[in-house]
């Protein structure tokens, strides 16, 4: 069980933001060593070590992220894996998303409709299929609203299409 933000702050106080810098390339990290400090531009021995450590960490994380992207595209890694749900995956996902009525599921939980129209919170309507909801679940989307909005924004719910 997780603490609410309010309860966490009551017990531990307000969390401090520990991010001190963000970098999108090695050249950004290298350039950060020459930024103006309180006393002007400088490049000390200590800063060089910090920059080297940041570059090493950046390269290691970038490599891991690229490997994970490749595995996601190949289907060897999952955000939400449907395989453990077995043959009941469709029924369980539709129940999880409270979409059983919308797809007129039978007593076994199987959808009798292939698609149905949903109205999103902004009033827009979108046609979603059972496969759309399963693909959305695989992406970690937790509602028909999230699935519909994601599909409208990205045009696909397939991991290989959106990464």
N, C-alpha and C. Protein backbone atom coordinates (compact mmCIF):
# COMPACT_ATOMS: atom_id res chain seq x y z
N UNK A 1 0.84 -1.17 0.00
CA UNK A 1 0.00 0.00 0.00
C UNK A 1 0.89 1.24 0.00
N UNK A 2 0.55 2.22 -0.80
CA UNK A 2 1.32 3.44 -0.90
C UNK A 2 0.67 4.53 -0.06
N UNK A 3 1.50 5.42 0.46
CA UNK A 3 0.98 6.56 1.20
C UNK A 3 0.49 7.62 0.22
N UNK A 4 -0.56 8.31 0.59
CA UNK A 4 -0.99 9.45 -0.22
C UNK A 4 0.08 10.53 -0.08
N UNK A 5 0.06 11.49 -0.97
CA UNK A 5 1.04 12.57 -0.93
C UNK A 5 0.93 13.32 0.40
N UNK A 6 -0.31 13.56 0.83
CA UNK A 6 -0.54 14.28 2.07
C UNK A 6 0.02 13.51 3.27
N UNK A 7 -0.26 12.20 3.34
CA UNK A 7 0.21 11.37 4.44
C UNK A 7 1.74 11.28 4.44
N UNK A 8 2.32 11.14 3.24
CA UNK A 8 3.78 11.09 3.12
C UNK A 8 4.40 12.37 3.69
N UNK A 9 3.85 13.51 3.28
CA UNK A 9 4.40 14.79 3.73
C UNK A 9 4.19 14.98 5.23
N UNK A 10 3.08 14.44 5.75
CA UNK A 10 2.83 14.53 7.19
C UNK A 10 3.89 13.76 7.98
N UNK A 11 4.28 12.59 7.46
CA UNK A 11 5.26 11.74 8.15
C UNK A 11 6.69 12.20 7.89
N UNK A 12 7.03 12.42 6.61
CA UNK A 12 8.42 12.67 6.22
C UNK A 12 8.74 14.12 5.87
N UNK A 13 7.74 14.94 5.75
CA UNK A 13 7.97 16.31 5.29
C UNK A 13 7.92 16.35 3.77
N UNK A 14 8.06 17.53 3.22
CA UNK A 14 7.96 17.68 1.77
C UNK A 14 9.20 17.10 1.09
N UNK A 15 8.96 16.32 0.03
CA UNK A 15 10.06 15.71 -0.72
C UNK A 15 10.81 16.79 -1.47
N UNK A 16 12.13 16.66 -1.48
CA UNK A 16 12.95 17.61 -2.21
C UNK A 16 13.23 17.09 -3.61
N UNK A 17 13.26 17.99 -4.56
CA UNK A 17 13.59 17.63 -5.93
C UNK A 17 15.10 17.43 -6.00
N UNK A 18 15.53 16.21 -6.33
CA UNK A 18 16.97 15.93 -6.33
C UNK A 18 17.60 16.06 -7.71
N UNK A 19 16.83 16.35 -8.73
CA UNK A 19 17.38 16.50 -10.07
C UNK A 19 18.12 17.84 -10.12
N UNK A 20 19.41 17.76 -10.43
CA UNK A 20 20.20 18.99 -10.48
C UNK A 20 20.54 19.40 -11.90
N UNK A 21 20.34 18.50 -12.83
CA UNK A 21 20.60 18.82 -14.23
C UNK A 21 20.02 17.76 -15.14
N UNK A 22 19.63 18.18 -16.31
CA UNK A 22 19.13 17.24 -17.32
C UNK A 22 19.96 17.43 -18.58
N UNK A 23 20.30 16.29 -19.21
CA UNK A 23 21.14 16.33 -20.40
C UNK A 23 20.54 15.44 -21.47
N UNK A 24 20.61 15.90 -22.71
CA UNK A 24 20.08 15.09 -23.80
C UNK A 24 21.18 14.59 -24.72
N UNK A 25 22.44 14.94 -24.42
CA UNK A 25 23.56 14.46 -25.23
C UNK A 25 24.86 14.61 -24.45
N UNK A 26 25.88 13.95 -24.92
CA UNK A 26 27.21 14.07 -24.31
C UNK A 26 27.70 15.51 -24.43
N UNK A 27 27.43 16.15 -25.56
CA UNK A 27 27.89 17.54 -25.73
C UNK A 27 27.21 18.47 -24.72
N UNK A 28 25.95 18.20 -24.34
CA UNK A 28 25.29 18.99 -23.30
C UNK A 28 26.02 18.84 -21.97
N UNK A 29 26.45 17.62 -21.67
CA UNK A 29 27.16 17.36 -20.42
C UNK A 29 28.51 18.07 -20.44
N UNK A 30 29.22 17.96 -21.57
CA UNK A 30 30.52 18.63 -21.67
C UNK A 30 30.37 20.15 -21.57
N UNK A 31 29.33 20.69 -22.19
CA UNK A 31 29.11 22.14 -22.15
C UNK A 31 28.77 22.61 -20.74
N UNK A 32 28.16 21.73 -19.94
CA UNK A 32 27.77 22.13 -18.58
C UNK A 32 28.99 22.45 -17.70
N UNK A 33 30.15 21.91 -18.03
CA UNK A 33 31.36 22.17 -17.24
C UNK A 33 31.82 23.61 -17.42
N UNK A 34 31.39 24.26 -18.48
CA UNK A 34 31.85 25.61 -18.78
C UNK A 34 30.77 26.66 -18.56
N UNK A 35 29.67 26.26 -17.92
CA UNK A 35 28.63 27.24 -17.61
C UNK A 35 29.13 28.22 -16.57
N UNK A 36 28.55 29.38 -16.58
CA UNK A 36 28.96 30.37 -15.59
C UNK A 36 28.51 29.95 -14.21
N UNK A 37 29.43 30.01 -13.27
CA UNK A 37 29.15 29.72 -11.87
C UNK A 37 29.05 31.05 -11.14
N UNK A 38 28.90 31.00 -9.84
CA UNK A 38 28.81 32.23 -9.05
C UNK A 38 30.05 33.10 -9.19
N UNK A 39 31.20 32.47 -9.40
CA UNK A 39 32.46 33.23 -9.48
C UNK A 39 32.96 33.37 -10.91
N UNK A 40 32.16 33.02 -11.88
CA UNK A 40 32.56 33.14 -13.27
C UNK A 40 32.78 31.79 -13.92
N UNK A 41 33.30 31.82 -15.14
CA UNK A 41 33.53 30.60 -15.89
C UNK A 41 34.81 29.94 -15.38
N UNK A 42 34.73 28.65 -15.09
CA UNK A 42 35.93 27.94 -14.67
C UNK A 42 35.82 26.47 -15.04
N UNK A 43 36.97 25.82 -15.05
CA UNK A 43 37.04 24.39 -15.36
C UNK A 43 38.08 23.79 -14.44
N UNK A 44 37.62 23.24 -13.33
CA UNK A 44 38.57 22.71 -12.36
C UNK A 44 38.72 21.21 -12.52
N UNK A 45 39.73 20.67 -11.85
CA UNK A 45 39.97 19.22 -11.88
C UNK A 45 38.75 18.47 -11.36
N UNK A 46 38.14 18.94 -10.29
CA UNK A 46 36.96 18.30 -9.72
C UNK A 46 35.80 18.28 -10.69
N UNK A 47 35.60 19.37 -11.42
CA UNK A 47 34.52 19.43 -12.41
C UNK A 47 34.75 18.42 -13.53
N UNK A 48 36.01 18.24 -13.93
CA UNK A 48 36.31 17.27 -14.99
C UNK A 48 35.90 15.87 -14.57
N UNK A 49 36.17 15.52 -13.31
CA UNK A 49 35.79 14.19 -12.82
C UNK A 49 34.27 14.03 -12.81
N UNK A 50 33.57 15.06 -12.39
CA UNK A 50 32.11 15.01 -12.36
C UNK A 50 31.56 14.86 -13.78
N UNK A 51 32.12 15.61 -14.70
CA UNK A 51 31.68 15.54 -16.10
C UNK A 51 31.93 14.14 -16.65
N UNK A 52 33.11 13.58 -16.38
CA UNK A 52 33.41 12.22 -16.85
C UNK A 52 32.42 11.20 -16.28
N UNK A 53 32.09 11.36 -15.00
CA UNK A 53 31.14 10.43 -14.37
C UNK A 53 29.75 10.59 -14.99
N UNK A 54 29.35 11.83 -15.26
CA UNK A 54 28.04 12.07 -15.89
C UNK A 54 27.99 11.48 -17.29
N UNK A 55 29.07 11.63 -18.05
CA UNK A 55 29.12 11.08 -19.41
C UNK A 55 29.04 9.56 -19.36
N UNK A 56 29.78 8.96 -18.45
CA UNK A 56 29.76 7.50 -18.31
C UNK A 56 28.35 7.01 -17.95
N UNK A 57 27.71 7.68 -16.99
CA UNK A 57 26.34 7.31 -16.58
C UNK A 57 25.36 7.52 -17.73
N UNK A 58 25.51 8.63 -18.45
CA UNK A 58 24.63 8.92 -19.59
C UNK A 58 24.73 7.84 -20.65
N UNK A 59 25.95 7.46 -21.01
CA UNK A 59 26.16 6.44 -22.03
C UNK A 59 25.59 5.09 -21.59
N UNK A 60 25.79 4.74 -20.32
CA UNK A 60 25.28 3.47 -19.79
C UNK A 60 23.74 3.45 -19.82
N UNK A 61 23.12 4.54 -19.36
CA UNK A 61 21.66 4.60 -19.34
C UNK A 61 21.07 4.65 -20.75
N UNK A 62 21.73 5.39 -21.64
CA UNK A 62 21.25 5.46 -23.02
C UNK A 62 21.28 4.09 -23.67
N UNK A 63 22.34 3.34 -23.42
CA UNK A 63 22.45 1.99 -23.96
C UNK A 63 21.34 1.09 -23.42
N UNK A 64 21.07 1.19 -22.11
CA UNK A 64 20.01 0.38 -21.51
C UNK A 64 18.63 0.75 -22.06
N UNK A 65 18.40 2.03 -22.24
CA UNK A 65 17.12 2.48 -22.78
C UNK A 65 16.93 1.98 -24.21
N UNK A 66 17.98 2.07 -25.02
CA UNK A 66 17.90 1.58 -26.40
C UNK A 66 17.65 0.07 -26.43
N UNK A 67 18.27 -0.67 -25.53
CA UNK A 67 18.06 -2.12 -25.46
C UNK A 67 16.61 -2.42 -25.07
N UNK A 68 16.08 -1.67 -24.11
CA UNK A 68 14.69 -1.87 -23.69
C UNK A 68 13.72 -1.53 -24.82
N UNK A 69 13.98 -0.44 -25.53
CA UNK A 69 13.13 -0.08 -26.68
C UNK A 69 13.13 -1.21 -27.71
N UNK A 70 14.30 -1.76 -27.99
CA UNK A 70 14.40 -2.85 -28.96
C UNK A 70 13.60 -4.06 -28.48
N UNK A 71 13.73 -4.41 -27.20
CA UNK A 71 12.99 -5.55 -26.65
C UNK A 71 11.48 -5.30 -26.68
N UNK A 72 11.06 -4.07 -26.40
CA UNK A 72 9.63 -3.74 -26.47
C UNK A 72 9.10 -3.90 -27.89
N UNK A 73 9.86 -3.40 -28.86
CA UNK A 73 9.46 -3.51 -30.26
C UNK A 73 9.38 -4.96 -30.72
N UNK A 74 10.31 -5.77 -30.23
CA UNK A 74 10.35 -7.19 -30.62
C UNK A 74 9.34 -8.04 -29.85
N UNK A 75 8.75 -7.47 -28.80
CA UNK A 75 7.81 -8.22 -27.98
C UNK A 75 8.47 -9.08 -26.92
N UNK A 76 9.76 -8.85 -26.66
CA UNK A 76 10.49 -9.61 -25.65
C UNK A 76 10.46 -8.95 -24.28
N UNK A 77 9.94 -7.74 -24.19
CA UNK A 77 9.75 -7.03 -22.92
C UNK A 77 8.34 -6.45 -22.96
N UNK A 78 7.76 -6.25 -21.82
CA UNK A 78 6.37 -5.80 -21.76
C UNK A 78 6.19 -4.73 -20.71
N UNK A 79 5.25 -3.84 -20.97
CA UNK A 79 4.82 -2.89 -19.94
C UNK A 79 3.80 -3.62 -19.07
N UNK A 80 2.77 -4.13 -19.70
CA UNK A 80 1.80 -5.02 -19.04
C UNK A 80 1.67 -6.25 -19.92
N UNK A 81 2.08 -7.37 -19.42
CA UNK A 81 2.09 -8.61 -20.17
C UNK A 81 0.75 -9.33 -20.01
N UNK A 82 0.13 -9.69 -21.12
CA UNK A 82 -1.16 -10.40 -21.06
C UNK A 82 -0.99 -11.91 -20.98
N UNK A 83 0.21 -12.42 -21.22
CA UNK A 83 0.42 -13.87 -21.21
C UNK A 83 0.01 -14.55 -19.90
N UNK A 84 0.33 -13.97 -18.74
CA UNK A 84 -0.08 -14.63 -17.48
C UNK A 84 -1.61 -14.73 -17.32
N UNK A 85 -2.35 -13.93 -18.07
CA UNK A 85 -3.81 -13.98 -17.98
C UNK A 85 -4.39 -15.17 -18.72
N UNK A 86 -3.58 -15.78 -19.57
CA UNK A 86 -3.98 -16.99 -20.28
C UNK A 86 -5.16 -16.79 -21.22
N UNK A 87 -5.97 -17.83 -21.34
CA UNK A 87 -7.09 -17.81 -22.29
C UNK A 87 -8.19 -16.84 -21.87
N UNK A 88 -8.17 -16.39 -20.63
CA UNK A 88 -9.18 -15.46 -20.13
C UNK A 88 -8.75 -14.00 -20.24
N UNK A 89 -7.67 -13.73 -20.95
CA UNK A 89 -7.13 -12.38 -21.04
C UNK A 89 -8.18 -11.36 -21.47
N UNK A 90 -8.90 -11.66 -22.54
CA UNK A 90 -9.90 -10.71 -23.05
C UNK A 90 -10.93 -10.39 -21.98
N UNK A 91 -11.50 -11.42 -21.37
CA UNK A 91 -12.53 -11.22 -20.35
C UNK A 91 -11.99 -10.44 -19.15
N UNK A 92 -10.79 -10.77 -18.72
CA UNK A 92 -10.20 -10.10 -17.56
C UNK A 92 -9.89 -8.64 -17.84
N UNK A 93 -9.39 -8.36 -19.03
CA UNK A 93 -9.06 -6.98 -19.40
C UNK A 93 -10.34 -6.15 -19.54
N UNK A 94 -11.36 -6.71 -20.18
CA UNK A 94 -12.62 -5.97 -20.31
C UNK A 94 -13.23 -5.71 -18.93
N UNK A 95 -13.13 -6.67 -18.02
CA UNK A 95 -13.63 -6.47 -16.66
C UNK A 95 -12.81 -5.41 -15.94
N UNK A 96 -11.49 -5.46 -16.09
CA UNK A 96 -10.60 -4.49 -15.46
C UNK A 96 -10.93 -3.07 -15.92
N UNK A 97 -11.28 -2.94 -17.20
CA UNK A 97 -11.59 -1.63 -17.77
C UNK A 97 -13.06 -1.26 -17.66
N UNK A 98 -13.84 -2.08 -16.97
CA UNK A 98 -15.29 -1.87 -16.83
C UNK A 98 -15.97 -1.69 -18.19
N UNK A 99 -15.57 -2.49 -19.15
CA UNK A 99 -16.09 -2.37 -20.52
C UNK A 99 -16.98 -3.55 -20.89
N UNK A 100 -17.35 -4.38 -19.92
CA UNK A 100 -18.16 -5.57 -20.22
C UNK A 100 -19.52 -5.20 -20.80
N UNK A 101 -20.16 -4.19 -20.23
CA UNK A 101 -21.48 -3.77 -20.73
C UNK A 101 -21.38 -3.20 -22.14
N UNK A 102 -20.38 -2.36 -22.34
CA UNK A 102 -20.21 -1.69 -23.64
C UNK A 102 -20.00 -2.71 -24.76
N UNK A 103 -19.35 -3.83 -24.47
CA UNK A 103 -19.10 -4.86 -25.48
C UNK A 103 -20.07 -6.03 -25.36
N UNK A 104 -21.09 -5.84 -24.53
CA UNK A 104 -22.14 -6.85 -24.35
C UNK A 104 -21.55 -8.24 -24.15
N UNK A 105 -20.73 -8.36 -23.13
CA UNK A 105 -20.05 -9.63 -22.85
C UNK A 105 -21.05 -10.69 -22.39
N UNK A 106 -20.80 -11.93 -22.83
CA UNK A 106 -21.65 -13.04 -22.40
C UNK A 106 -21.23 -13.50 -21.01
N UNK A 107 -21.86 -14.56 -20.51
CA UNK A 107 -21.58 -15.01 -19.14
C UNK A 107 -20.15 -15.51 -18.96
N UNK A 108 -19.47 -15.86 -20.06
CA UNK A 108 -18.06 -16.28 -20.00
C UNK A 108 -17.10 -15.11 -20.08
N UNK A 109 -17.66 -13.90 -20.24
CA UNK A 109 -16.83 -12.70 -20.32
C UNK A 109 -16.35 -12.35 -21.71
N UNK A 110 -16.77 -13.12 -22.72
CA UNK A 110 -16.36 -12.84 -24.10
C UNK A 110 -17.25 -11.76 -24.69
N UNK A 111 -16.64 -10.84 -25.43
CA UNK A 111 -17.39 -9.76 -26.07
C UNK A 111 -18.23 -10.30 -27.21
N UNK A 112 -19.47 -9.82 -27.31
CA UNK A 112 -20.32 -10.20 -28.43
C UNK A 112 -20.29 -9.12 -29.51
N UNK A 113 -19.77 -7.94 -29.16
CA UNK A 113 -19.59 -6.85 -30.13
C UNK A 113 -18.09 -6.70 -30.40
N UNK A 114 -17.74 -6.47 -31.65
CA UNK A 114 -16.33 -6.28 -32.02
C UNK A 114 -15.82 -4.88 -31.65
N UNK A 115 -16.71 -3.89 -31.71
CA UNK A 115 -16.31 -2.53 -31.38
C UNK A 115 -17.51 -1.78 -30.81
N UNK A 116 -17.20 -0.69 -30.17
CA UNK A 116 -18.26 0.17 -29.62
C UNK A 116 -17.73 1.59 -29.52
N UNK A 117 -18.64 2.53 -29.47
CA UNK A 117 -18.26 3.94 -29.42
C UNK A 117 -18.21 4.41 -27.97
N UNK A 118 -17.15 5.13 -27.64
CA UNK A 118 -16.99 5.68 -26.31
C UNK A 118 -16.94 7.20 -26.41
N UNK A 119 -17.51 7.87 -25.43
CA UNK A 119 -17.44 9.32 -25.35
C UNK A 119 -16.38 9.68 -24.32
N UNK A 120 -15.40 10.46 -24.76
CA UNK A 120 -14.31 10.85 -23.88
C UNK A 120 -14.72 12.05 -23.03
N UNK A 121 -13.93 12.35 -22.03
CA UNK A 121 -14.28 13.43 -21.09
C UNK A 121 -14.38 14.79 -21.77
N UNK A 122 -13.70 14.97 -22.91
CA UNK A 122 -13.78 16.24 -23.63
C UNK A 122 -14.96 16.27 -24.60
N UNK A 123 -15.78 15.21 -24.58
CA UNK A 123 -16.96 15.14 -25.44
C UNK A 123 -16.72 14.48 -26.79
N UNK A 124 -15.46 14.24 -27.14
CA UNK A 124 -15.17 13.59 -28.42
C UNK A 124 -15.57 12.13 -28.34
N UNK A 125 -15.95 11.58 -29.47
CA UNK A 125 -16.34 10.18 -29.55
C UNK A 125 -15.28 9.41 -30.31
N UNK A 126 -15.08 8.17 -29.88
CA UNK A 126 -14.09 7.32 -30.55
C UNK A 126 -14.59 5.89 -30.54
N UNK A 127 -14.38 5.22 -31.66
CA UNK A 127 -14.74 3.81 -31.80
C UNK A 127 -13.54 2.97 -31.37
N UNK A 128 -13.75 2.11 -30.38
CA UNK A 128 -12.68 1.24 -29.90
C UNK A 128 -13.09 -0.22 -30.06
N UNK A 129 -12.13 -1.04 -30.43
CA UNK A 129 -12.37 -2.47 -30.55
C UNK A 129 -11.84 -3.16 -29.30
N UNK A 130 -12.19 -4.44 -29.16
CA UNK A 130 -11.64 -5.23 -28.06
C UNK A 130 -10.12 -5.27 -28.19
N UNK A 131 -9.62 -5.44 -29.40
CA UNK A 131 -8.17 -5.46 -29.63
C UNK A 131 -7.52 -4.14 -29.23
N UNK A 132 -8.22 -3.01 -29.47
CA UNK A 132 -7.69 -1.71 -29.04
C UNK A 132 -7.50 -1.69 -27.52
N UNK A 133 -8.49 -2.19 -26.81
CA UNK A 133 -8.41 -2.19 -25.34
C UNK A 133 -7.31 -3.13 -24.85
N UNK A 134 -7.14 -4.25 -25.51
CA UNK A 134 -6.07 -5.18 -25.14
C UNK A 134 -4.70 -4.54 -25.41
N UNK A 135 -4.55 -3.90 -26.57
CA UNK A 135 -3.30 -3.21 -26.89
C UNK A 135 -3.04 -2.06 -25.91
N UNK A 136 -4.09 -1.32 -25.55
CA UNK A 136 -3.95 -0.25 -24.57
C UNK A 136 -3.51 -0.78 -23.22
N UNK A 137 -4.09 -1.92 -22.82
CA UNK A 137 -3.70 -2.56 -21.57
C UNK A 137 -2.22 -2.91 -21.61
N UNK A 138 -1.77 -3.45 -22.73
CA UNK A 138 -0.35 -3.81 -22.88
C UNK A 138 0.57 -2.60 -22.74
N UNK A 139 0.04 -1.41 -23.08
CA UNK A 139 0.81 -0.17 -22.94
C UNK A 139 0.74 0.39 -21.52
N UNK A 140 -0.08 -0.24 -20.68
CA UNK A 140 -0.21 0.23 -19.31
C UNK A 140 -1.34 1.23 -19.13
N UNK A 141 -2.17 1.41 -20.15
CA UNK A 141 -3.29 2.33 -20.04
C UNK A 141 -4.36 1.69 -19.16
N UNK A 142 -4.95 2.47 -18.27
CA UNK A 142 -5.79 1.91 -17.23
C UNK A 142 -7.28 2.19 -17.37
N UNK A 143 -7.69 2.76 -18.49
CA UNK A 143 -9.12 3.02 -18.68
C UNK A 143 -9.43 3.16 -20.16
N UNK A 144 -10.71 3.08 -20.48
CA UNK A 144 -11.11 3.31 -21.87
C UNK A 144 -10.83 4.76 -22.25
N UNK A 145 -10.95 5.66 -21.29
CA UNK A 145 -10.64 7.08 -21.52
C UNK A 145 -9.18 7.25 -21.94
N UNK A 146 -8.26 6.67 -21.16
CA UNK A 146 -6.83 6.76 -21.49
C UNK A 146 -6.54 6.12 -22.84
N UNK A 147 -7.17 4.98 -23.10
CA UNK A 147 -6.94 4.28 -24.37
C UNK A 147 -7.42 5.13 -25.53
N UNK A 148 -8.62 5.69 -25.42
CA UNK A 148 -9.16 6.53 -26.49
C UNK A 148 -8.32 7.76 -26.74
N UNK A 149 -7.93 8.45 -25.67
CA UNK A 149 -7.11 9.65 -25.81
C UNK A 149 -5.75 9.33 -26.43
N UNK A 150 -5.15 8.23 -25.98
CA UNK A 150 -3.85 7.82 -26.50
C UNK A 150 -3.95 7.51 -27.99
N UNK A 151 -4.99 6.78 -28.37
CA UNK A 151 -5.17 6.41 -29.78
C UNK A 151 -5.40 7.66 -30.63
N UNK A 152 -6.18 8.60 -30.13
CA UNK A 152 -6.42 9.83 -30.90
C UNK A 152 -5.12 10.63 -31.07
N UNK A 153 -4.32 10.66 -30.03
CA UNK A 153 -3.09 11.45 -30.07
C UNK A 153 -2.01 10.80 -30.94
N UNK A 154 -1.83 9.47 -30.80
CA UNK A 154 -0.70 8.80 -31.44
C UNK A 154 -1.08 8.02 -32.70
N UNK A 155 -2.38 7.78 -32.91
CA UNK A 155 -2.81 7.08 -34.11
C UNK A 155 -2.61 5.57 -34.09
N UNK A 156 -2.03 5.05 -33.02
CA UNK A 156 -1.80 3.62 -32.90
C UNK A 156 -1.67 3.24 -31.43
N UNK A 157 -1.96 1.97 -31.16
CA UNK A 157 -1.77 1.44 -29.81
C UNK A 157 -0.73 0.32 -29.82
N UNK A 158 -0.01 0.18 -30.91
CA UNK A 158 1.03 -0.83 -31.05
C UNK A 158 2.37 -0.23 -30.61
N UNK A 159 3.04 -0.91 -29.70
CA UNK A 159 4.32 -0.42 -29.18
C UNK A 159 5.31 -0.14 -30.31
N UNK A 160 5.39 -1.04 -31.26
CA UNK A 160 6.38 -0.86 -32.33
C UNK A 160 6.10 0.36 -33.19
N UNK A 161 4.84 0.82 -33.21
CA UNK A 161 4.49 2.00 -34.01
C UNK A 161 4.75 3.32 -33.29
N UNK A 162 4.77 3.29 -31.97
CA UNK A 162 4.86 4.55 -31.24
C UNK A 162 6.22 4.83 -30.62
N UNK A 163 7.08 3.81 -30.55
CA UNK A 163 8.42 4.05 -29.99
C UNK A 163 9.33 4.56 -31.09
